Amino acid sequence: MGTLKTGPVLSLRGVSKTYEGAEKPALDKVSFSVKPGEFVSILGPSGSGKTTILRTVAGFERPDMGEIVMGGDVVNAVPAFKRDVRTV
């Protein structure tokens, strides 16, 4: 039997992202955690950062600040092809 990990499977800790030429950040210190077995939806109006959150978690974008933690490991520098992430 493997070791059972406790704690969140995903955490964003103060994640910020501003795209070049933008007047305001796409993400401004976003923080949340997802526990094992939880189902999470990201809702908001157009331009609120939903897609940027997904792209940052998947590794297609790098945050300017903050940490993305998966399974207890900071994955900010892990390339997308090495992350076990799916988005819909």
C-alpha atoms as a PDB file:
ATOM      1  CA  MET A   1       0.000   0.000   0.000  1.00  0.00           C
ATOM      2  CA  GLY A   2       1.279   3.498  -0.895  1.00  0.00           C
ATOM      3  CA  THR A   3       1.630   6.414   1.448  1.00  0.00           C
ATOM      4  CA  LEU A   4      -1.578   8.389   1.832  1.00  0.00           C
ATOM      5  CA  LYS A   5      -1.004  12.102   1.261  1.00  0.00           C
ATOM      6  CA  THR A   6      -3.146  14.489   3.216  1.00  0.00           C
ATOM      7  CA  GLY A   7      -3.856  18.100   2.471  1.00  0.00           C
ATOM      8  CA  PRO A   8      -4.923  19.810  -0.719  1.00  0.00           C
ATOM      9  CA  VAL A   9      -4.261  18.290  -4.143  1.00  0.00           C
ATOM     10  CA  LEU A  10      -4.016  21.812  -5.581  1.00  0.00           C
ATOM     11  CA  SER A  11      -3.314  25.196  -4.001  1.00  0.00           C
ATOM     12  CA  LEU A  12      -2.813  28.625  -5.477  1.00  0.00           C
ATOM     13  CA  ARG A  13      -1.044  30.914  -3.038  1.00  0.00           C
ATOM     14  CA  GLY A  14      -1.103  34.600  -3.904  1.00  0.00           C
ATOM     15  CA  VAL A  15      -0.884  33.979  -7.656  1.00  0.00           C
ATOM     16  CA  SER A  16      -0.650  37.108  -9.805  1.00  0.00           C
ATOM     17  CA  LYS A  17      -0.277  37.449 -13.572  1.00  0.00           C
ATOM     18  CA  THR A  18      -0.183  40.574 -15.733  1.00  0.00           C
ATOM     19  CA  TYR A  19       0.075  40.248 -19.486  1.00  0.00           C
ATOM     20  CA  GLU A  20       2.439  42.538 -21.390  1.00  0.00           C
ATOM     21  CA  GLY A  21       0.695  45.774 -22.352  1.00  0.00           C
ATOM     22  CA  ALA A  22      -2.249  45.199 -20.005  1.00  0.00           C
ATOM     23  CA  GLU A  23      -3.516  48.034 -17.827  1.00  0.00           C
ATOM     24  CA  LYS A  24      -4.493  45.736 -14.961  1.00  0.00           C
ATOM     25  CA  PRO A  25      -3.533  42.234 -13.836  1.00  0.00           C
ATOM     26  CA  ALA A  26      -5.402  39.195 -15.148  1.00  0.00           C
ATOM     27  CA  LEU A  27      -4.883  37.621 -11.706  1.00  0.00           C
ATOM     28  CA  ASP A  28      -4.288  39.609  -8.540  1.00  0.00           C
ATOM     29  CA  LYS A  29      -3.131  37.532  -5.554  1.00  0.00           C
ATOM     30  CA  VAL A  30      -5.497  34.604  -6.188  1.00  0.00           C
ATOM     31  CA  SER A  31      -5.503  31.990  -3.434  1.00  0.00           C
ATOM     32  CA  PHE A  32      -7.562  28.837  -3.007  1.00  0.00           C
ATOM     33  CA  SER A  33      -7.135  25.129  -2.309  1.00  0.00           C
ATOM     34  CA  VAL A  34      -8.807  21.991  -3.623  1.00  0.00           C
ATOM     35  CA  LYS A  35      -9.066  19.013  -1.284  1.00  0.00           C
ATOM     36  CA  PRO A  36      -9.040  15.387  -2.452  1.00  0.00           C
ATOM     37  CA  GLY A  37     -12.456  14.439  -3.830  1.00  0.00           C
ATOM     38  CA  GLU A  38     -13.679  18.025  -4.196  1.00  0.00           C
ATOM     39  CA  PHE A  39     -15.312  19.213  -7.410  1.00  0.00           C
ATOM     40  CA  VAL A  40     -14.473  22.835  -8.218  1.00  0.00           C
ATOM     41  CA  SER A  41     -15.943  25.274 -10.738  1.00  0.00           C
ATOM     42  CA  ILE A  42     -14.466  28.645 -11.616  1.00  0.00           C
ATOM     43  CA  LEU A  43     -17.188  31.178 -12.368  1.00  0.00           C
ATOM     44  CA  GLY A  44     -17.009  34.833 -13.299  1.00  0.00           C
ATOM     45  CA  PRO A  45     -17.675  37.378 -16.010  1.00  0.00           C
ATOM     46  CA  SER A  46     -15.648  37.724 -19.171  1.00  0.00           C
ATOM     47  CA  GLY A  47     -12.164  39.004 -18.399  1.00  0.00           C
ATOM     48  CA  SER A  48     -12.190  37.959 -14.738  1.00  0.00           C
ATOM     49  CA  GLY A  49      -9.223  35.556 -15.057  1.00  0.00           C
ATOM     50  CA  LYS A  50     -10.881  32.128 -15.321  1.00  0.00           C
ATOM     51  CA  THR A  51      -8.887  31.012 -18.351  1.00  0.00           C
ATOM     52  CA  THR A  52      -5.693  32.510 -16.938  1.00  0.00           C
ATOM     53  CA  ILE A  53      -6.148  30.432 -13.767  1.00  0.00           C
ATOM     54  CA  LEU A  54      -6.572  27.266 -15.841  1.00  0.00           C
ATOM     55  CA  ARG A  55      -3.615  28.096 -18.111  1.00  0.00           C
ATOM     56  CA  THR A  56      -1.421  28.846 -15.085  1.00  0.00           C
ATOM     57  CA  VAL A  57      -2.357  25.617 -13.294  1.00  0.00           C
ATOM     58  CA  ALA A  58      -1.773  23.609 -16.498  1.00  0.00           C
ATOM     59  CA  GLY A  59       1.652  25.221 -17.008  1.00  0.00           C
ATOM     60  CA  PHE A  60       0.901  27.152 -20.215  1.00  0.00           C
ATOM     61  CA  GLU A  61       1.466  30.449 -18.371  1.00  0.00           C
ATOM     62  CA  ARG A  62       3.841  31.267 -15.517  1.00  0.00           C
ATOM     63  CA  PRO A  63       2.652  33.426 -12.645  1.00  0.00           C
ATOM     64  CA  ASP A  64       4.485  36.698 -12.017  1.00  0.00           C
ATOM     65  CA  MET A  65       4.117  36.110  -8.267  1.00  0.00           C
ATOM     66  CA  GLY A  66       2.853  33.397  -5.959  1.00  0.00           C
ATOM     67  CA  GLU A  67       2.985  29.622  -5.931  1.00  0.00           C
ATOM     68  CA  ILE A  68       1.067  26.810  -7.588  1.00  0.00           C
ATOM     69  CA  VAL A  69       1.266  23.713  -5.402  1.00  0.00           C
ATOM     70  CA  MET A  70       0.221  20.238  -6.560  1.00  0.00           C
ATOM     71  CA  GLY A  71       0.444  17.267  -4.235  1.00  0.00           C
ATOM     72  CA  GLY A  72       2.585  19.302  -1.839  1.00  0.00           C
ATOM     73  CA  ASP A  73       5.148  20.369  -4.473  1.00  0.00           C
ATOM     74  CA  VAL A  74       5.564  23.856  -5.955  1.00  0.00           C
ATOM     75  CA  VAL A  75       5.206  23.405  -9.719  1.00  0.00           C
ATOM     76  CA  ASN A  76       5.754  26.963 -11.012  1.00  0.00           C
ATOM     77  CA  ALA A  77       8.812  25.880 -13.015  1.00  0.00           C
ATOM     78  CA  VAL A  78       7.468  22.470 -14.103  1.00  0.00           C
ATOM     79  CA  PRO A  79       6.648  22.497 -17.849  1.00  0.00           C
ATOM     80  CA  ALA A  80       3.099  21.731 -19.003  1.00  0.00           C
ATOM     81  CA  PHE A  81       4.011  18.360 -20.521  1.00  0.00           C
ATOM     82  CA  LYS A  82       5.291  17.151 -17.139  1.00  0.00           C
ATOM     83  CA  ARG A  83       2.104  18.085 -15.223  1.00  0.00           C
ATOM     84  CA  ASP A  84      -0.746  15.623 -14.886  1.00  0.00           C
ATOM     85  CA  VAL A  85      -3.442  18.247 -15.570  1.00  0.00           C
ATOM     86  CA  ARG A  86      -6.564  18.249 -17.752  1.00  0.00           C
ATOM     87  CA  THR A  87      -8.887  21.202 -18.360  1.00  0.00           C
ATOM     88  CA  VAL A  88     -12.378  21.330 -19.805  1.00  0.00           C
END
